[in-house]
Amino acid sequence: MGEFIDRISPLFLESAKPVIIFNPDLVDMGVTGMSLTARDLRERVLKPFETVFYLKTLPWGAVYRCYPSKWTVWKEDAEAEGGFRYRSRRPQVPSQSEYG
């Protein structure tokens, strides 16, 4: 996989053409326990891309982004309209420690 990424990544970086990736969960570290090499590969692939739409539901709420808006964190709340209450807005994707 690493060799393939090394071959195609210059095409993305040197081109003015947009590239769309759907569901880029390349490696789920929590499930696979992958090595540092796998994490580095994931970072090399995803770092040059700008996330334009993101919606991830979590046991306690959700993380959302729709470009050009910032990332937002929502907490599940049965009393709130739509079932979620706004928690915070961030310029980058929040880490798990920032979710709460």
PDB file of N, CA and C in Angstrom:
ATOM      1  N   MET A   1       0.823  -1.190   0.000  1.00  0.00           N
ATOM      2  CA  MET A   1       0.000   0.000   0.000  1.00  0.00           C
ATOM      3  C   MET A   1       0.869   1.257   0.000  1.00  0.00           C
ATOM      4  N   GLY A   2       1.952   1.255   0.782  1.00  0.00           N
ATOM      5  CA  GLY A   2       2.822   2.419   0.881  1.00  0.00           C
ATOM      6  C   GLY A   2       3.432   2.818  -0.458  1.00  0.00           C
ATOM      7  N   GLU A   3       3.866   1.823  -1.239  1.00  0.00           N
ATOM      8  CA  GLU A   3       4.447   2.108  -2.556  1.00  0.00           C
ATOM      9  C   GLU A   3       3.405   2.720  -3.490  1.00  0.00           C
ATOM     10  N   PHE A   4       2.196   2.205  -3.438  1.00  0.00           N
ATOM     11  CA  PHE A   4       1.114   2.736  -4.262  1.00  0.00           C
ATOM     12  C   PHE A   4       0.846   4.205  -3.922  1.00  0.00           C
ATOM     13  N   ILE A   5       0.771   4.515  -2.645  1.00  0.00           N
ATOM     14  CA  ILE A   5       0.535   5.894  -2.204  1.00  0.00           C
ATOM     15  C   ILE A   5       1.685   6.791  -2.645  1.00  0.00           C
ATOM     16  N   ASP A   6       2.906   6.322  -2.498  1.00  0.00           N
ATOM     17  CA  ASP A   6       4.064   7.116  -2.931  1.00  0.00           C
ATOM     18  C   ASP A   6       4.023   7.408  -4.424  1.00  0.00           C
ATOM     19  N   ARG A   7       3.514   6.464  -5.232  1.00  0.00           N
ATOM     20  CA  ARG A   7       3.428   6.661  -6.685  1.00  0.00           C
ATOM     21  C   ARG A   7       2.323   7.642  -7.069  1.00  0.00           C
ATOM     22  N   ILE A   8       1.169   7.562  -6.407  1.00  0.00           N
ATOM     23  CA  ILE A   8       0.041   8.395  -6.856  1.00  0.00           C
ATOM     24  C   ILE A   8      -0.057   9.747  -6.153  1.00  0.00           C
ATOM     25  N   SER A   9       0.518   9.907  -4.972  1.00  0.00           N
ATOM     26  CA  SER A   9       0.359  11.175  -4.260  1.00  0.00           C
ATOM     27  C   SER A   9       0.906  12.381  -5.030  1.00  0.00           C
ATOM     28  N   PRO A  10       2.016  12.275  -5.797  1.00  0.00           N
ATOM     29  CA  PRO A  10       2.434  13.435  -6.586  1.00  0.00           C
ATOM     30  C   PRO A  10       1.376  13.886  -7.597  1.00  0.00           C
ATOM     31  N   LEU A  11       0.587  12.952  -8.093  1.00  0.00           N
ATOM     32  CA  LEU A  11      -0.476  13.321  -9.033  1.00  0.00           C
ATOM     33  C   LEU A  11      -1.489  14.243  -8.369  1.00  0.00           C
ATOM     34  N   PHE A  12      -1.814  13.978  -7.114  1.00  0.00           N
ATOM     35  CA  PHE A  12      -2.758  14.823  -6.386  1.00  0.00           C
ATOM     36  C   PHE A  12      -2.145  16.177  -6.062  1.00  0.00           C
ATOM     37  N   LEU A  13      -0.901  16.154  -5.615  1.00  0.00           N
ATOM     38  CA  LEU A  13      -0.257  17.371  -5.132  1.00  0.00           C
ATOM     39  C   LEU A  13       0.122  18.326  -6.252  1.00  0.00           C
ATOM     40  N   GLU A  14       0.467  17.809  -7.422  1.00  0.00           N
ATOM     41  CA  GLU A  14       0.910  18.650  -8.528  1.00  0.00           C
ATOM     42  C   GLU A  14      -0.232  19.074  -9.442  1.00  0.00           C
ATOM     43  N   SER A  15      -1.364  18.478  -9.295  1.00  0.00           N
ATOM     44  CA  SER A  15      -2.502  18.749 -10.165  1.00  0.00           C
ATOM     45  C   SER A  15      -3.385  19.834  -9.566  1.00  0.00           C
ATOM     46  N   ALA A  16      -3.965  20.638 -10.427  1.00  0.00           N
ATOM     47  CA  ALA A  16      -4.931  21.632  -9.983  1.00  0.00           C
ATOM     48  C   ALA A  16      -6.337  21.052  -9.973  1.00  0.00           C
ATOM     49  N   LYS A  17      -6.452  19.785 -10.322  1.00  0.00           N
ATOM     50  CA  LYS A  17      -7.758  19.141 -10.385  1.00  0.00           C
ATOM     51  C   LYS A  17      -8.192  18.685  -8.987  1.00  0.00           C
ATOM     52  N   PRO A  18      -9.467  18.868  -8.668  1.00  0.00           N
ATOM     53  CA  PRO A  18      -9.946  18.382  -7.363  1.00  0.00           C
ATOM     54  C   PRO A  18      -9.999  16.856  -7.324  1.00  0.00           C
ATOM     55  N   VAL A  19      -9.788  16.312  -6.151  1.00  0.00           N
ATOM     56  CA  VAL A  19      -9.853  14.877  -5.928  1.00  0.00           C
ATOM     57  C   VAL A  19     -10.854  14.643  -4.806  1.00  0.00           C
ATOM     58  N   ILE A  20     -11.741  13.709  -4.994  1.00  0.00           N
ATOM     59  CA  ILE A  20     -12.747  13.403  -3.982  1.00  0.00           C
ATOM     60  C   ILE A  20     -12.503  12.004  -3.451  1.00  0.00           C
ATOM     61  N   ILE A  21     -12.450  11.891  -2.130  1.00  0.00           N
ATOM     62  CA  ILE A  21     -12.314  10.599  -1.473  1.00  0.00           C
ATOM     63  C   ILE A  21     -13.539  10.423  -0.592  1.00  0.00           C
ATOM     64  N   PHE A  22     -14.236   9.319  -0.776  1.00  0.00           N
ATOM     65  CA  PHE A  22     -15.383   9.009   0.058  1.00  0.00           C
ATOM     66  C   PHE A  22     -14.954   8.030   1.145  1.00  0.00           C
ATOM     67  N   ASN A  23     -15.357   8.341   2.384  1.00  0.00           N
ATOM     68  CA  ASN A  23     -15.098   7.461   3.511  1.00  0.00           C
ATOM     69  C   ASN A  23     -13.623   7.079   3.630  1.00  0.00           C
ATOM     70  N   PRO A  24     -12.756   8.064   3.866  1.00  0.00           N
ATOM     71  CA  PRO A  24     -11.321   7.758   3.897  1.00  0.00           C
ATOM     72  C   PRO A  24     -10.828   7.217   5.234  1.00  0.00           C
ATOM     73  N   ASP A  25     -11.552   6.298   5.865  1.00  0.00           N
ATOM     74  CA  ASP A  25     -11.055   5.633   7.062  1.00  0.00           C
ATOM     75  C   ASP A  25     -10.084   4.555   6.605  1.00  0.00           C
ATOM     76  N   LEU A  26      -8.863   4.978   6.308  1.00  0.00           N
ATOM     77  CA  LEU A  26      -7.883   4.058   5.735  1.00  0.00           C
ATOM     78  C   LEU A  26      -7.501   2.957   6.706  1.00  0.00           C
ATOM     79  N   VAL A  27      -7.299   3.327   7.963  1.00  0.00           N
ATOM     80  CA  VAL A  27      -6.944   2.346   8.977  1.00  0.00           C
ATOM     81  C   VAL A  27      -7.581   2.812  10.279  1.00  0.00           C
ATOM     82  N   ASP A  28      -8.359   1.956  10.901  1.00  0.00           N
ATOM     83  CA  ASP A  28      -8.964   2.275  12.186  1.00  0.00           C
ATOM     84  C   ASP A  28      -8.024   1.767  13.271  1.00  0.00           C
ATOM     85  N   MET A  29      -7.235   2.662  13.836  1.00  0.00           N
ATOM     86  CA  MET A  29      -6.217   2.269  14.809  1.00  0.00           C
ATOM     87  C   MET A  29      -6.812   1.596  16.035  1.00  0.00           C
ATOM     88  N   GLY A  30      -8.004   2.015  16.461  1.00  0.00           N
ATOM     89  CA  GLY A  30      -8.623   1.427  17.633  1.00  0.00           C
ATOM     90  C   GLY A  30      -8.983  -0.028  17.435  1.00  0.00           C
ATOM     91  N   VAL A  31      -9.281  -0.405  16.214  1.00  0.00           N
ATOM     92  CA  VAL A  31      -9.698  -1.775  15.934  1.00  0.00           C
ATOM     93  C   VAL A  31      -8.510  -2.648  15.566  1.00  0.00           C
ATOM     94  N   THR A  32      -7.633  -2.130  14.719  1.00  0.00           N
ATOM     95  CA  THR A  32      -6.565  -2.967  14.173  1.00  0.00           C
ATOM     96  C   THR A  32      -5.291  -2.973  15.007  1.00  0.00           C
ATOM     97  N   GLY A  33      -5.070  -1.924  15.823  1.00  0.00           N
ATOM     98  CA  GLY A  33      -3.825  -1.843  16.571  1.00  0.00           C
ATOM     99  C   GLY A  33      -2.622  -1.738  15.648  1.00  0.00           C
ATOM    100  N   MET A  34      -2.779  -1.022  14.534  1.00  0.00           N
ATOM    101  CA  MET A  34      -1.730  -0.936  13.518  1.00  0.00           C
ATOM    102  C   MET A  34      -0.500  -0.199  14.059  1.00  0.00           C
ATOM    103  N   SER A  35       0.591  -0.414  13.408  1.00  0.00           N
ATOM    104  CA  SER A  35       1.875   0.133  13.822  1.00  0.00           C
ATOM    105  C   SER A  35       2.010   1.609  13.455  1.00  0.00           C
ATOM    106  N   LEU A  36       3.093   2.191  13.914  1.00  0.00           N
ATOM    107  CA  LEU A  36       3.406   3.579  13.597  1.00  0.00           C
ATOM    108  C   LEU A  36       3.527   3.772  12.088  1.00  0.00           C
ATOM    109  N   THR A  37       4.026   2.785  11.378  1.00  0.00           N
ATOM    110  CA  THR A  37       4.142   2.864   9.922  1.00  0.00           C
ATOM    111  C   THR A  37       2.774   3.065   9.274  1.00  0.00           C
ATOM    112  N   ALA A  38       1.773   2.344   9.728  1.00  0.00           N
ATOM    113  CA  ALA A  38       0.417   2.492   9.183  1.00  0.00           C
ATOM    114  C   ALA A  38      -0.140   3.866   9.501  1.00  0.00           C
ATOM    115  N   ARG A  39       0.112   4.380  10.693  1.00  0.00           N
ATOM    116  CA  ARG A  39      -0.354   5.725  11.047  1.00  0.00           C
ATOM    117  C   ARG A  39       0.308   6.777  10.164  1.00  0.00           C
ATOM    118  N   ASP A  40       1.610   6.627   9.937  1.00  0.00           N
ATOM    119  CA  ASP A  40       2.332   7.563   9.069  1.00  0.00           C
ATOM    120  C   ASP A  40       1.758   7.544   7.659  1.00  0.00           C
ATOM    121  N   LEU A  41       1.441   6.366   7.153  1.00  0.00           N
ATOM    122  CA  LEU A  41       0.856   6.233   5.820  1.00  0.00           C
ATOM    123  C   LEU A  41      -0.480   6.970   5.757  1.00  0.00           C
ATOM    124  N   ARG A  42      -1.317   6.773   6.760  1.00  0.00           N
ATOM    125  CA  ARG A  42      -2.620   7.443   6.791  1.00  0.00           C
ATOM    126  C   ARG A  42      -2.430   8.956   6.792  1.00  0.00           C
ATOM    127  N   GLU A  43      -1.499   9.448   7.594  1.00  0.00           N
ATOM    128  CA  GLU A  43      -1.256  10.894   7.665  1.00  0.00           C
ATOM    129  C   GLU A  43      -0.750  11.447   6.329  1.00  0.00           C
ATOM    130  N   ARG A  44       0.150  10.737   5.663  1.00  0.00           N
ATOM    131  CA  ARG A  44       0.666  11.186   4.364  1.00  0.00           C
ATOM    132  C   ARG A  44      -0.435  11.277   3.319  1.00  0.00           C
ATOM    133  N   VAL A  45      -1.370  10.337   3.366  1.00  0.00           N
ATOM    134  CA  VAL A  45      -2.437  10.312   2.378  1.00  0.00           C
ATOM    135  C   VAL A  45      -3.442  11.433   2.637  1.00  0.00           C
ATOM    136  N   LEU A  46      -3.858  11.599   3.847  1.00  0.00           N
ATOM    137  CA  LEU A  46      -4.955  12.523   4.155  1.00  0.00           C
ATOM    138  C   LEU A  46      -4.525  13.964   4.382  1.00  0.00           C
ATOM    139  N   LYS A  47      -3.294  14.203   4.795  1.00  0.00           N
ATOM    140  CA  LYS A  47      -2.854  15.553   5.149  1.00  0.00           C
ATOM    141  C   LYS A  47      -3.050  16.584   4.035  1.00  0.00           C
ATOM    142  N   PRO A  48      -2.742  16.297   2.778  1.00  0.00           N
ATOM    143  CA  PRO A  48      -2.881  17.335   1.749  1.00  0.00           C
ATOM    144  C   PRO A  48      -4.331  17.661   1.368  1.00  0.00           C
ATOM    145  N   PHE A  49      -5.280  16.882   1.836  1.00  0.00           N
ATOM    146  CA  PHE A  49      -6.676  17.086   1.445  1.00  0.00           C
ATOM    147  C   PHE A  49      -7.402  18.020   2.401  1.00  0.00           C
ATOM    148  N   GLU A  50      -8.333  18.773   1.876  1.00  0.00           N
ATOM    149  CA  GLU A  50      -9.225  19.617   2.666  1.00  0.00           C
ATOM    150  C   GLU A  50     -10.552  18.875   2.780  1.00  0.00           C
ATOM    151  N   THR A  51     -11.017  18.656   3.990  1.00  0.00           N
ATOM    152  CA  THR A  51     -12.294  17.979   4.196  1.00  0.00           C
ATOM    153  C   THR A  51     -13.415  18.964   3.927  1.00  0.00           C
ATOM    154  N   VAL A  52     -14.273  18.659   2.967  1.00  0.00           N
ATOM    155  CA  VAL A  52     -15.365  19.576   2.621  1.00  0.00           C
ATOM    156  C   VAL A  52     -16.696  19.139   3.225  1.00  0.00           C
ATOM    157  N   PHE A  53     -16.854  17.862   3.527  1.00  0.00           N
ATOM    158  CA  PHE A  53     -18.046  17.403   4.242  1.00  0.00           C
ATOM    159  C   PHE A  53     -17.653  16.256   5.148  1.00  0.00           C
ATOM    160  N   TYR A  54     -18.115  16.314   6.387  1.00  0.00           N
ATOM    161  CA  TYR A  54     -17.777  15.295   7.373  1.00  0.00           C
ATOM    162  C   TYR A  54     -18.927  15.184   8.353  1.00  0.00           C
ATOM    163  N   LEU A  55     -19.371  13.984   8.613  1.00  0.00           N
ATOM    164  CA  LEU A  55     -20.384  13.728   9.628  1.00  0.00           C
ATOM    165  C   LEU A  55     -20.046  12.395  10.264  1.00  0.00           C
ATOM    166  N   LYS A  56     -19.689  12.441  11.528  1.00  0.00           N
ATOM    167  CA  LYS A  56     -19.364  11.215  12.243  1.00  0.00           C
ATOM    168  C   LYS A  56     -20.211  11.166  13.505  1.00  0.00           C
ATOM    169  N   THR A  57     -21.050  10.137  13.586  1.00  0.00           N
ATOM    170  CA  THR A  57     -21.831   9.950  14.803  1.00  0.00           C
ATOM    171  C   THR A  57     -21.010   9.146  15.791  1.00  0.00           C
ATOM    172  N   LEU A  58     -21.176   9.487  17.039  1.00  0.00           N
ATOM    173  CA  LEU A  58     -20.453   8.848  18.127  1.00  0.00           C
ATOM    174  C   LEU A  58     -21.465   8.442  19.197  1.00  0.00           C
ATOM    175  N   PRO A  59     -21.094   7.593  20.140  1.00  0.00           N
ATOM    176  CA  PRO A  59     -22.064   7.158  21.149  1.00  0.00           C
ATOM    177  C   PRO A  59     -22.717   8.303  21.928  1.00  0.00           C
ATOM    178  N   TRP A  60     -22.029   9.418  22.053  1.00  0.00           N
ATOM    179  CA  TRP A  60     -22.530  10.546  22.840  1.00  0.00           C
ATOM    180  C   TRP A  60     -23.003  11.727  21.995  1.00  0.00           C
ATOM    181  N   GLY A  61     -22.763  11.717  20.680  1.00  0.00           N
ATOM    182  CA  GLY A  61     -23.124  12.864  19.847  1.00  0.00           C
ATOM    183  C   GLY A  61     -22.588  12.751  18.432  1.00  0.00           C
ATOM    184  N   ALA A  62     -22.064  13.879  17.909  1.00  0.00           N
ATOM    185  CA  ALA A  62     -21.591  13.882  16.523  1.00  0.00           C
ATOM    186  C   ALA A  62     -20.571  14.993  16.299  1.00  0.00           C
ATOM    187  N   VAL A  63     -19.744  14.807  15.260  1.00  0.00           N
ATOM    188  CA  VAL A  63     -18.822  15.835  14.775  1.00  0.00           C
ATOM    189  C   VAL A  63     -19.219  16.112  13.335  1.00  0.00           C
ATOM    190  N   TYR A  64     -19.292  17.397  12.966  1.00  0.00           N
ATOM    191  CA  TYR A  64     -19.830  17.787  11.655  1.00  0.00           C
ATOM    192  C   TYR A  64     -18.999  18.917  11.053  1.00  0.00           C
ATOM    193  N   ARG A  65     -18.873  18.886   9.720  1.00  0.00           N
ATOM    194  CA  ARG A  65     -18.293  19.998   8.986  1.00  0.00           C
ATOM    195  C   ARG A  65     -18.870  20.037   7.580  1.00  0.00           C
ATOM    196  N   CYS A  66     -19.175  21.226   7.121  1.00  0.00           N
ATOM    197  CA  CYS A  66     -19.569  21.469   5.744  1.00  0.00           C
ATOM    198  C   CYS A  66     -18.793  22.695   5.290  1.00  0.00           C
ATOM    199  N   TYR A  67     -17.815  22.519   4.397  1.00  0.00           N
ATOM    200  CA  TYR A  67     -16.923  23.587   3.932  1.00  0.00           C
ATOM    201  C   TYR A  67     -17.732  24.746   3.370  1.00  0.00           C
ATOM    202  N   PRO A  68     -17.385  25.977   3.674  1.00  0.00           N
ATOM    203  CA  PRO A  68     -16.191  26.468   4.354  1.00  0.00           C
ATOM    204  C   PRO A  68     -16.354  26.664   5.851  1.00  0.00           C
ATOM    205  N   SER A  69     -17.429  26.190   6.430  1.00  0.00           N
ATOM    206  CA  SER A  69     -17.646  26.359   7.868  1.00  0.00           C
ATOM    207  C   SER A  69     -16.618  25.580   8.678  1.00  0.00           C
ATOM    208  N   LYS A  70     -16.513  25.939   9.943  1.00  0.00           N
ATOM    209  CA  LYS A  70     -15.599  25.254  10.855  1.00  0.00           C
ATOM    210  C   LYS A  70     -16.208  23.927  11.310  1.00  0.00           C
ATOM    211  N   TRP A  71     -15.408  23.147  11.999  1.00  0.00           N
ATOM    212  CA  TRP A  71     -15.832  21.870  12.570  1.00  0.00           C
ATOM    213  C   TRP A  71     -16.711  22.151  13.772  1.00  0.00           C
ATOM    214  N   THR A  72     -17.798  21.411  13.924  1.00  0.00           N
ATOM    215  CA  THR A  72     -18.663  21.583  15.085  1.00  0.00           C
ATOM    216  C   THR A  72     -18.856  20.252  15.803  1.00  0.00           C
ATOM    217  N   VAL A  73     -18.984  20.355  17.120  1.00  0.00           N
ATOM    218  CA  VAL A  73     -19.203  19.192  17.969  1.00  0.00           C
ATOM    219  C   VAL A  73     -20.596  19.321  18.568  1.00  0.00           C
ATOM    220  N   TRP A  74     -21.360  18.248  18.494  1.00  0.00           N
ATOM    221  CA  TRP A  74     -22.742  18.220  18.969  1.00  0.00           C
ATOM    222  C   TRP A  74     -22.901  17.098  19.983  1.00  0.00           C
ATOM    223  N   LYS A  75     -23.631  17.361  21.056  1.00  0.00           N
ATOM    224  CA  LYS A  75     -23.893  16.352  22.083  1.00  0.00           C
ATOM    225  C   LYS A  75     -25.350  15.926  21.998  1.00  0.00           C
ATOM    226  N   GLU A  76     -25.568  14.618  22.071  1.00  0.00           N
ATOM    227  CA  GLU A  76     -26.935  14.103  22.017  1.00  0.00           C
ATOM    228  C   GLU A  76     -27.716  14.626  23.222  1.00  0.00           C
ATOM    229  N   ASP A  77     -28.921  15.128  22.942  1.00  0.00           N
ATOM    230  CA  ASP A  77     -29.782  15.689  23.986  1.00  0.00           C
ATOM    231  C   ASP A  77     -31.230  15.507  23.546  1.00  0.00           C
ATOM    232  N   ALA A  78     -31.932  14.611  24.201  1.00  0.00           N
ATOM    233  CA  ALA A  78     -33.308  14.293  23.812  1.00  0.00           C
ATOM    234  C   ALA A  78     -34.233  15.504  23.897  1.00  0.00           C
ATOM    235  N   GLU A  79     -33.915  16.482  24.734  1.00  0.00           N
ATOM    236  CA  GLU A  79     -34.770  17.661  24.903  1.00  0.00           C
ATOM    237  C   GLU A  79     -34.493  18.758  23.873  1.00  0.00           C
ATOM    238  N   ALA A  80     -33.366  18.685  23.195  1.00  0.00           N
ATOM    239  CA  ALA A  80     -33.003  19.707  22.204  1.00  0.00           C
ATOM    240  C   ALA A  80     -33.732  19.456  20.885  1.00  0.00           C
ATOM    241  N   GLU A  81     -33.992  20.542  20.163  1.00  0.00           N
ATOM    242  CA  GLU A  81     -34.614  20.408  18.840  1.00  0.00           C
ATOM    243  C   GLU A  81     -33.679  19.599  17.940  1.00  0.00           C
ATOM    244  N   GLY A  82     -34.190  18.569  17.304  1.00  0.00           N
ATOM    245  CA  GLY A  82     -33.382  17.708  16.441  1.00  0.00           C
ATOM    246  C   GLY A  82     -32.611  16.636  17.198  1.00  0.00           C
ATOM    247  N   GLY A  83     -32.650  16.662  18.531  1.00  0.00           N
ATOM    248  CA  GLY A  83     -32.007  15.626  19.329  1.00  0.00           C
ATOM    249  C   GLY A  83     -30.543  15.859  19.661  1.00  0.00           C
ATOM    250  N   PHE A  84     -29.975  17.006  19.225  1.00  0.00           N
ATOM    251  CA  PHE A  84     -28.571  17.313  19.505  1.00  0.00           C
ATOM    252  C   PHE A  84     -28.441  18.758  19.973  1.00  0.00           C
ATOM    253  N   ARG A  85     -27.468  19.006  20.868  1.00  0.00           N
ATOM    254  CA  ARG A  85     -27.180  20.347  21.346  1.00  0.00           C
ATOM    255  C   ARG A  85     -25.748  20.725  20.935  1.00  0.00           C
ATOM    256  N   TYR A  86     -25.610  21.926  20.398  1.00  0.00           N
ATOM    257  CA  TYR A  86     -24.304  22.446  19.969  1.00  0.00           C
ATOM    258  C   TYR A  86     -23.371  22.551  21.169  1.00  0.00           C
ATOM    259  N   ARG A  87     -22.118  22.069  21.021  1.00  0.00           N
ATOM    260  CA  ARG A  87     -21.115  22.135  22.092  1.00  0.00           C
ATOM    261  C   ARG A  87     -19.978  23.112  21.777  1.00  0.00           C
ATOM    262  N   SER A  88     -19.401  22.999  20.567  1.00  0.00           N
ATOM    263  CA  SER A  88     -18.252  23.867  20.267  1.00  0.00           C
ATOM    264  C   SER A  88     -17.978  23.909  18.767  1.00  0.00           C
ATOM    265  N   ARG A  89     -17.170  24.907  18.375  1.00  0.00           N
ATOM    266  CA  ARG A  89     -16.743  25.091  16.985  1.00  0.00           C
ATOM    267  C   ARG A  89     -15.226  25.198  16.991  1.00  0.00           C
ATOM    268  N   ARG A  90     -14.572  24.545  16.025  1.00  0.00           N
ATOM    269  CA  ARG A  90     -13.112  24.524  15.969  1.00  0.00           C
ATOM    270  C   ARG A  90     -12.618  24.727  14.535  1.00  0.00           C
ATOM    271  N   PRO A  91     -11.428  25.332  14.365  1.00  0.00           N
ATOM    272  CA  PRO A  91     -10.887  25.519  13.008  1.00  0.00           C
ATOM    273  C   PRO A  91     -10.373  24.215  12.385  1.00  0.00           C
ATOM    274  N   GLN A  92      -9.960  23.232  13.222  1.00  0.00           N
ATOM    275  CA  GLN A  92      -9.501  21.936  12.722  1.00  0.00           C
ATOM    276  C   GLN A  92     -10.365  20.838  13.332  1.00  0.00           C
ATOM    277  N   VAL A  93     -10.280  19.658  12.743  1.00  0.00           N
ATOM    278  CA  VAL A  93     -11.030  18.520  13.277  1.00  0.00           C
ATOM    279  C   VAL A  93     -10.622  18.324  14.734  1.00  0.00           C
ATOM    280  N   PRO A  94     -11.593  18.238  15.628  1.00  0.00           N
ATOM    281  CA  PRO A  94     -11.243  18.074  17.044  1.00  0.00           C
ATOM    282  C   PRO A  94     -10.704  16.678  17.328  1.00  0.00           C
ATOM    283  N   SER A  95      -9.770  16.618  18.260  1.00  0.00           N
ATOM    284  CA  SER A  95      -9.278  15.317  18.695  1.00  0.00           C
ATOM    285  C   SER A  95     -10.289  14.718  19.663  1.00  0.00           C
ATOM    286  N   GLN A  96     -10.152  13.454  19.959  1.00  0.00           N
ATOM    287  CA  GLN A  96     -11.100  12.815  20.864  1.00  0.00           C
ATOM    288  C   GLN A  96     -11.098  13.473  22.241  1.00  0.00           C
ATOM    289  N   SER A  97      -9.950  13.985  22.684  1.00  0.00           N
ATOM    290  CA  SER A  97      -9.895  14.642  23.994  1.00  0.00           C
ATOM    291  C   SER A  97     -10.659  15.968  23.991  1.00  0.00           C
ATOM    292  N   GLU A  98     -10.897  16.553  22.815  1.00  0.00           N
ATOM    293  CA  GLU A  98     -11.629  17.822  22.720  1.00  0.00           C
ATOM    294  C   GLU A  98     -13.126  17.629  22.511  1.00  0.00           C
ATOM    295  N   TYR A  99     -13.576  16.400  22.329  1.00  0.00           N
ATOM    296  CA  TYR A  99     -14.983  16.158  22.030  1.00  0.00           C
ATOM    297  C   TYR A  99     -15.915  16.613  23.139  1.00  0.00           C
ATOM    298  N   GLY A 100     -15.554  16.321  24.375  1.00  0.00           N
ATOM    299  CA  GLY A 100     -16.452  16.510  25.500  1.00  0.00           C
ATOM    300  C   GLY A 100     -16.876  17.914  25.710  1.00  0.00           C
TER     301      GLY A 100
END
